[in-house]
Amino acid sequence: ASLTARPFFERKGFVVVAAQRVEKRGQI
């Protein structure tokens, strides 16, 4: 989940397993 989507998923019963940093075209 993106930073934007995290609150939605939390409201729907999802829990954070890990914070991640992913690379997309040279950006983290």
PDB file of all heavy atoms in Angstrom:
ATOM      1  N   ALA A   1       0.829  -1.206   0.000  1.00  0.00           N
ATOM      2  CA  ALA A   1       0.000   0.000   0.000  1.00  0.00           C
ATOM      3  C   ALA A   1       0.864   1.257   0.000  1.00  0.00           C
ATOM      4  O   ALA A   1       1.835   1.358   0.742  1.00  0.00           O
ATOM      5  CB  ALA A   1      -0.912  -0.001   1.223  1.00  0.00           C
ATOM      6  N   SER A   2       0.458   2.204  -0.792  1.00  0.00           N
ATOM      7  CA  SER A   2       1.133   3.504  -0.816  1.00  0.00           C
ATOM      8  C   SER A   2       0.832   4.267   0.478  1.00  0.00           C
ATOM      9  O   SER A   2      -0.066   3.897   1.251  1.00  0.00           O
ATOM     10  CB  SER A   2       0.629   4.325  -2.012  1.00  0.00           C
ATOM     11  OG  SER A   2      -0.741   4.645  -1.835  1.00  0.00           O
ATOM     12  N   LEU A   3       1.568   5.341   0.692  1.00  0.00           N
ATOM     13  CA  LEU A   3       1.275   6.241   1.818  1.00  0.00           C
ATOM     14  C   LEU A   3      -0.186   6.689   1.734  1.00  0.00           C
ATOM     15  O   LEU A   3      -0.866   6.803   2.757  1.00  0.00           O
ATOM     16  CB  LEU A   3       2.193   7.468   1.773  1.00  0.00           C
ATOM     17  CG  LEU A   3       3.681   7.222   2.000  1.00  0.00           C
ATOM     18  CD1 LEU A   3       4.495   8.446   1.577  1.00  0.00           C
ATOM     19  CD2 LEU A   3       3.945   6.873   3.453  1.00  0.00           C
ATOM     20  N   THR A   4      -0.650   6.938   0.527  1.00  0.00           N
ATOM     21  CA  THR A   4      -2.008   7.416   0.299  1.00  0.00           C
ATOM     22  C   THR A   4      -3.049   6.352   0.650  1.00  0.00           C
ATOM     23  O   THR A   4      -4.084   6.658   1.248  1.00  0.00           O
ATOM     24  CB  THR A   4      -2.162   7.832  -1.176  1.00  0.00           C
ATOM     25  OG1 THR A   4      -1.071   8.687  -1.539  1.00  0.00           O
ATOM     26  CG2 THR A   4      -3.469   8.543  -1.415  1.00  0.00           C
ATOM     27  N   ALA A   5      -2.771   5.105   0.290  1.00  0.00           N
ATOM     28  CA  ALA A   5      -3.748   4.025   0.461  1.00  0.00           C
ATOM     29  C   ALA A   5      -3.720   3.394   1.853  1.00  0.00           C
ATOM     30  O   ALA A   5      -4.692   2.758   2.253  1.00  0.00           O
ATOM     31  CB  ALA A   5      -3.510   2.947  -0.590  1.00  0.00           C
ATOM     32  N   ARG A   6      -2.632   3.555   2.590  1.00  0.00           N
ATOM     33  CA  ARG A   6      -2.515   2.886   3.894  1.00  0.00           C
ATOM     34  C   ARG A   6      -3.715   3.118   4.813  1.00  0.00           C
ATOM     35  O   ARG A   6      -4.260   2.150   5.370  1.00  0.00           O
ATOM     36  CB  ARG A   6      -1.218   3.301   4.587  1.00  0.00           C
ATOM     37  CG  ARG A   6      -1.076   2.692   5.972  1.00  0.00           C
ATOM     38  CD  ARG A   6       0.177   3.154   6.691  1.00  0.00           C
ATOM     39  NE  ARG A   6       0.173   2.670   8.064  1.00  0.00           N
ATOM     40  CZ  ARG A   6       1.171   2.854   8.907  1.00  0.00           C
ATOM     41  NH1 ARG A   6       2.271   3.490   8.512  1.00  0.00           N
ATOM     42  NH2 ARG A   6       1.087   2.395  10.135  1.00  0.00           N
ATOM     43  N   PRO A   7      -4.190   4.349   5.006  1.00  0.00           N
ATOM     44  CA  PRO A   7      -5.334   4.549   5.920  1.00  0.00           C
ATOM     45  C   PRO A   7      -6.583   3.778   5.477  1.00  0.00           C
ATOM     46  O   PRO A   7      -7.303   3.238   6.325  1.00  0.00           O
ATOM     47  CB  PRO A   7      -5.568   6.062   5.888  1.00  0.00           C
ATOM     48  CG  PRO A   7      -4.258   6.646   5.466  1.00  0.00           C
ATOM     49  CD  PRO A   7      -3.664   5.634   4.520  1.00  0.00           C
ATOM     50  N   PHE A   8      -6.835   3.715   4.178  1.00  0.00           N
ATOM     51  CA  PHE A   8      -7.983   2.949   3.680  1.00  0.00           C
ATOM     52  C   PHE A   8      -7.845   1.483   4.082  1.00  0.00           C
ATOM     53  O   PHE A   8      -8.778   0.881   4.622  1.00  0.00           O
ATOM     54  CB  PHE A   8      -8.100   3.073   2.153  1.00  0.00           C
ATOM     55  CG  PHE A   8      -9.049   2.073   1.552  1.00  0.00           C
ATOM     56  CD1 PHE A   8     -10.418   2.300   1.582  1.00  0.00           C
ATOM     57  CD2 PHE A   8      -8.581   0.894   0.980  1.00  0.00           C
ATOM     58  CE1 PHE A   8     -11.305   1.359   1.045  1.00  0.00           C
ATOM     59  CE2 PHE A   8      -9.455  -0.048   0.445  1.00  0.00           C
ATOM     60  CZ  PHE A   8     -10.824   0.194   0.482  1.00  0.00           C
ATOM     61  N   PHE A   9      -6.695   0.899   3.799  1.00  0.00           N
ATOM     62  CA  PHE A   9      -6.503  -0.515   4.101  1.00  0.00           C
ATOM     63  C   PHE A   9      -6.567  -0.780   5.605  1.00  0.00           C
ATOM     64  O   PHE A   9      -7.118  -1.804   6.025  1.00  0.00           O
ATOM     65  CB  PHE A   9      -5.203  -1.032   3.491  1.00  0.00           C
ATOM     66  CG  PHE A   9      -5.301  -1.270   2.007  1.00  0.00           C
ATOM     67  CD1 PHE A   9      -4.655  -0.446   1.106  1.00  0.00           C
ATOM     68  CD2 PHE A   9      -6.058  -2.315   1.511  1.00  0.00           C
ATOM     69  CE1 PHE A   9      -4.749  -0.666  -0.262  1.00  0.00           C
ATOM     70  CE2 PHE A   9      -6.174  -2.545   0.148  1.00  0.00           C
ATOM     71  CZ  PHE A   9      -5.512  -1.715  -0.745  1.00  0.00           C
ATOM     72  N   GLU A  10      -6.051   0.133   6.411  1.00  0.00           N
ATOM     73  CA  GLU A  10      -6.151  -0.044   7.867  1.00  0.00           C
ATOM     74  C   GLU A  10      -7.615  -0.048   8.309  1.00  0.00           C
ATOM     75  O   GLU A  10      -8.002  -0.876   9.142  1.00  0.00           O
ATOM     76  CB  GLU A  10      -5.361   1.052   8.602  1.00  0.00           C
ATOM     77  CG  GLU A  10      -3.871   0.844   8.501  1.00  0.00           C
ATOM     78  CD  GLU A  10      -3.043   1.932   9.175  1.00  0.00           C
ATOM     79  OE1 GLU A  10      -3.491   3.098   9.210  1.00  0.00           O
ATOM     80  OE2 GLU A  10      -1.956   1.614   9.657  1.00  0.00           O
ATOM     81  N   ARG A  11      -8.418   0.836   7.743  1.00  0.00           N
ATOM     82  CA  ARG A  11      -9.848   0.861   8.087  1.00  0.00           C
ATOM     83  C   ARG A  11     -10.549  -0.430   7.689  1.00  0.00           C
ATOM     84  O   ARG A  11     -11.551  -0.803   8.288  1.00  0.00           O
ATOM     85  CB  ARG A  11     -10.551   2.049   7.410  1.00  0.00           C
ATOM     86  CG  ARG A  11     -10.229   3.392   8.015  1.00  0.00           C
ATOM     87  CD  ARG A  11     -11.146   4.501   7.500  1.00  0.00           C
ATOM     88  NE  ARG A  11     -11.171   4.644   6.050  1.00  0.00           N
ATOM     89  CZ  ARG A  11     -10.318   5.386   5.356  1.00  0.00           C
ATOM     90  NH1 ARG A  11      -9.361   6.051   5.959  1.00  0.00           N
ATOM     91  NH2 ARG A  11     -10.431   5.466   4.034  1.00  0.00           N
ATOM     92  N   LYS A  12     -10.004  -1.121   6.702  1.00  0.00           N
ATOM     93  CA  LYS A  12     -10.607  -2.358   6.200  1.00  0.00           C
ATOM     94  C   LYS A  12     -10.009  -3.606   6.862  1.00  0.00           C
ATOM     95  O   LYS A  12     -10.255  -4.721   6.392  1.00  0.00           O
ATOM     96  CB  LYS A  12     -10.452  -2.450   4.678  1.00  0.00           C
ATOM     97  CG  LYS A  12     -11.177  -1.338   3.941  1.00  0.00           C
ATOM     98  CD  LYS A  12     -12.678  -1.394   4.178  1.00  0.00           C
ATOM     99  CE  LYS A  12     -13.419  -0.325   3.412  1.00  0.00           C
ATOM    100  NZ  LYS A  12     -14.859  -0.397   3.635  1.00  0.00           N
ATOM    101  N   GLY A  13      -9.230  -3.427   7.923  1.00  0.00           N
ATOM    102  CA  GLY A  13      -8.739  -4.573   8.684  1.00  0.00           C
ATOM    103  C   GLY A  13      -7.355  -5.075   8.318  1.00  0.00           C
ATOM    104  O   GLY A  13      -6.912  -6.105   8.840  1.00  0.00           O
ATOM    105  N   PHE A  14      -6.657  -4.390   7.448  1.00  0.00           N
ATOM    106  CA  PHE A  14      -5.285  -4.767   7.118  1.00  0.00           C
ATOM    107  C   PHE A  14      -4.340  -4.259   8.206  1.00  0.00           C
ATOM    108  O   PHE A  14      -4.601  -3.216   8.817  1.00  0.00           O
ATOM    109  CB  PHE A  14      -4.856  -4.150   5.785  1.00  0.00           C
ATOM    110  CG  PHE A  14      -5.397  -4.841   4.569  1.00  0.00           C
ATOM    111  CD1 PHE A  14      -6.740  -4.727   4.228  1.00  0.00           C
ATOM    112  CD2 PHE A  14      -4.565  -5.594   3.753  1.00  0.00           C
ATOM    113  CE1 PHE A  14      -7.248  -5.350   3.095  1.00  0.00           C
ATOM    114  CE2 PHE A  14      -5.070  -6.222   2.618  1.00  0.00           C
ATOM    115  CZ  PHE A  14      -6.410  -6.098   2.289  1.00  0.00           C
ATOM    116  N   VAL A  15      -3.258  -4.975   8.422  1.00  0.00           N
ATOM    117  CA  VAL A  15      -2.222  -4.542   9.356  1.00  0.00           C
ATOM    118  C   VAL A  15      -0.903  -4.417   8.600  1.00  0.00           C
ATOM    119  O   VAL A  15      -0.652  -5.140   7.628  1.00  0.00           O
ATOM    120  CB  VAL A  15      -2.066  -5.510  10.552  1.00  0.00           C
ATOM    121  CG1 VAL A  15      -3.326  -5.528  11.401  1.00  0.00           C
ATOM    122  CG2 VAL A  15      -1.711  -6.908  10.090  1.00  0.00           C
ATOM    123  N   VAL A  16      -0.077  -3.494   9.067  1.00  0.00           N
ATOM    124  CA  VAL A  16       1.236  -3.293   8.456  1.00  0.00           C
ATOM    125  C   VAL A  16       2.161  -4.419   8.905  1.00  0.00           C
ATOM    126  O   VAL A  16       2.337  -4.656  10.099  1.00  0.00           O
ATOM    127  CB  VAL A  16       1.827  -1.923   8.847  1.00  0.00           C
ATOM    128  CG1 VAL A  16       3.269  -1.793   8.353  1.00  0.00           C
ATOM    129  CG2 VAL A  16       0.965  -0.795   8.289  1.00  0.00           C
ATOM    130  N   VAL A  17       2.730  -5.111   7.939  1.00  0.00           N
ATOM    131  CA  VAL A  17       3.723  -6.145   8.206  1.00  0.00           C
ATOM    132  C   VAL A  17       5.113  -5.509   8.215  1.00  0.00           C
ATOM    133  O   VAL A  17       5.944  -5.840   9.054  1.00  0.00           O
ATOM    134  CB  VAL A  17       3.644  -7.267   7.139  1.00  0.00           C
ATOM    135  CG1 VAL A  17       4.747  -8.291   7.324  1.00  0.00           C
ATOM    136  CG2 VAL A  17       2.266  -7.919   7.158  1.00  0.00           C
ATOM    137  N   ALA A  18       5.350  -4.580   7.284  1.00  0.00           N
ATOM    138  CA  ALA A  18       6.659  -3.923   7.189  1.00  0.00           C
ATOM    139  C   ALA A  18       6.535  -2.631   6.395  1.00  0.00           C
ATOM    140  O   ALA A  18       5.786  -2.557   5.422  1.00  0.00           O
ATOM    141  CB  ALA A  18       7.659  -4.843   6.497  1.00  0.00           C
ATOM    142  N   ALA A  19       7.291  -1.631   6.832  1.00  0.00           N
ATOM    143  CA  ALA A  19       7.470  -0.427   6.022  1.00  0.00           C
ATOM    144  C   ALA A  19       8.543  -0.767   4.990  1.00  0.00           C
ATOM    145  O   ALA A  19       9.496  -1.491   5.296  1.00  0.00           O
ATOM    146  CB  ALA A  19       7.910   0.745   6.884  1.00  0.00           C
ATOM    147  N   GLN A  20       8.362  -0.291   3.773  1.00  0.00           N
ATOM    148  CA  GLN A  20       9.290  -0.630   2.695  1.00  0.00           C
ATOM    149  C   GLN A  20       9.726   0.629   1.961  1.00  0.00           C
ATOM    150  O   GLN A  20       9.035   1.634   1.968  1.00  0.00           O
ATOM    151  CB  GLN A  20       8.604  -1.562   1.677  1.00  0.00           C
ATOM    152  CG  GLN A  20       8.049  -2.830   2.266  1.00  0.00           C
ATOM    153  CD  GLN A  20       7.452  -3.742   1.208  1.00  0.00           C
ATOM    154  OE1 GLN A  20       7.745  -4.902   1.191  1.00  0.00           O
ATOM    155  NE2 GLN A  20       6.606  -3.225   0.318  1.00  0.00           N
ATOM    156  N   ARG A  21      10.861   0.511   1.308  1.00  0.00           N
ATOM    157  CA  ARG A  21      11.338   1.536   0.396  1.00  0.00           C
ATOM    158  C   ARG A  21      11.627   0.819  -0.914  1.00  0.00           C
ATOM    159  O   ARG A  21      12.433  -0.102  -0.942  1.00  0.00           O
ATOM    160  CB  ARG A  21      12.562   2.245   0.958  1.00  0.00           C
ATOM    161  CG  ARG A  21      12.187   3.022   2.244  1.00  0.00           C
ATOM    162  CD  ARG A  21      13.347   3.690   2.944  1.00  0.00           C
ATOM    163  NE  ARG A  21      14.150   4.594   2.143  1.00  0.00           N
ATOM    164  CZ  ARG A  21      13.785   5.822   1.741  1.00  0.00           C
ATOM    165  NH1 ARG A  21      12.601   6.289   2.070  1.00  0.00           N
ATOM    166  NH2 ARG A  21      14.602   6.571   1.039  1.00  0.00           N
ATOM    167  N   VAL A  22      10.910   1.196  -1.960  1.00  0.00           N
ATOM    168  CA  VAL A  22      11.037   0.518  -3.243  1.00  0.00           C
ATOM    169  C   VAL A  22      11.555   1.484  -4.301  1.00  0.00           C
ATOM    170  O   VAL A  22      11.254   2.678  -4.275  1.00  0.00           O
ATOM    171  CB  VAL A  22       9.697  -0.108  -3.687  1.00  0.00           C
ATOM    172  CG1 VAL A  22       9.262  -1.190  -2.713  1.00  0.00           C
ATOM    173  CG2 VAL A  22       8.612   0.942  -3.817  1.00  0.00           C
ATOM    174  N   GLU A  23      12.336   0.947  -5.222  1.00  0.00           N
ATOM    175  CA  GLU A  23      12.916   1.764  -6.278  1.00  0.00           C
ATOM    176  C   GLU A  23      12.037   1.707  -7.524  1.00  0.00           C
ATOM    177  O   GLU A  23      11.623   0.641  -7.956  1.00  0.00           O
ATOM    178  CB  GLU A  23      14.328   1.244  -6.598  1.00  0.00           C
ATOM    179  CG  GLU A  23      15.123   2.163  -7.519  1.00  0.00           C
ATOM    180  CD  GLU A  23      14.906   1.875  -9.004  1.00  0.00           C
ATOM    181  OE1 GLU A  23      14.582   0.717  -9.349  1.00  0.00           O
ATOM    182  OE2 GLU A  23      15.027   2.819  -9.794  1.00  0.00           O
ATOM    183  N   LYS A  24      11.714   2.878  -8.047  1.00  0.00           N
ATOM    184  CA  LYS A  24      10.971   3.000  -9.311  1.00  0.00           C
ATOM    185  C   LYS A  24      11.711   4.005 -10.176  1.00  0.00           C
ATOM    186  O   LYS A  24      11.781   5.187  -9.832  1.00  0.00           O
ATOM    187  CB  LYS A  24       9.552   3.536  -9.075  1.00  0.00           C
ATOM    188  CG  LYS A  24       8.660   2.606  -8.319  1.00  0.00           C
ATOM    189  CD  LYS A  24       7.809   1.813  -9.242  1.00  0.00           C
ATOM    190  CE  LYS A  24       6.776   1.060  -8.429  1.00  0.00           C
ATOM    191  NZ  LYS A  24       6.406  -0.176  -9.033  1.00  0.00           N
ATOM    192  N   ARG A  25      12.309   3.522 -11.249  1.00  0.00           N
ATOM    193  CA  ARG A  25      12.986   4.403 -12.215  1.00  0.00           C
ATOM    194  C   ARG A  25      13.905   5.413 -11.534  1.00  0.00           C
ATOM    195  O   ARG A  25      13.860   6.609 -11.825  1.00  0.00           O
ATOM    196  CB  ARG A  25      11.949   5.099 -13.093  1.00  0.00           C
ATOM    197  CG  ARG A  25      11.121   4.136 -13.925  1.00  0.00           C
ATOM    198  CD  ARG A  25      10.082   4.852 -14.761  1.00  0.00           C
ATOM    199  NE  ARG A  25       9.261   3.904 -15.486  1.00  0.00           N
ATOM    200  CZ  ARG A  25       8.144   3.355 -15.004  1.00  0.00           C
ATOM    201  NH1 ARG A  25       7.709   3.653 -13.811  1.00  0.00           N
ATOM    202  NH2 ARG A  25       7.463   2.494 -15.738  1.00  0.00           N
ATOM    203  N   GLY A  26      14.707   4.924 -10.601  1.00  0.00           N
ATOM    204  CA  GLY A  26      15.711   5.772  -9.952  1.00  0.00           C
ATOM    205  C   GLY A  26      15.224   6.537  -8.736  1.00  0.00           C
ATOM    206  O   GLY A  26      16.016   7.186  -8.056  1.00  0.00           O
ATOM    207  N   GLN A  27      13.951   6.473  -8.426  1.00  0.00           N
ATOM    208  CA  GLN A  27      13.405   7.137  -7.243  1.00  0.00           C
ATOM    209  C   GLN A  27      13.102   6.079  -6.185  1.00  0.00           C
ATOM    210  O   GLN A  27      12.695   4.964  -6.509  1.00  0.00           O
ATOM    211  CB  GLN A  27      12.115   7.890  -7.580  1.00  0.00           C
ATOM    212  CG  GLN A  27      12.313   9.090  -8.465  1.00  0.00           C
ATOM    213  CD  GLN A  27      13.059  10.206  -7.754  1.00  0.00           C
ATOM    214  OE1 GLN A  27      12.759  10.561  -6.628  1.00  0.00           O
ATOM    215  NE2 GLN A  27      14.061  10.748  -8.429  1.00  0.00           N
ATOM    216  N   ILE A  28      13.276   6.449  -4.917  1.00  0.00           N
ATOM    217  CA  ILE A  28      12.947   5.547  -3.811  1.00  0.00           C
ATOM    218  C   ILE A  28      11.617   6.000  -3.210  1.00  0.00           C
ATOM    219  O   ILE A  28      11.499   7.127  -2.730  1.00  0.00           O
ATOM    220  CB  ILE A  28      14.045   5.559  -2.719  1.00  0.00           C
ATOM    221  CG1 ILE A  28      15.417   5.214  -3.324  1.00  0.00           C
ATOM    222  CG2 ILE A  28      13.673   4.608  -1.589  1.00  0.00           C
ATOM    223  CD1 ILE A  28      15.503   3.824  -3.922  1.00  0.00           C
TER     224      ILE A  28
END
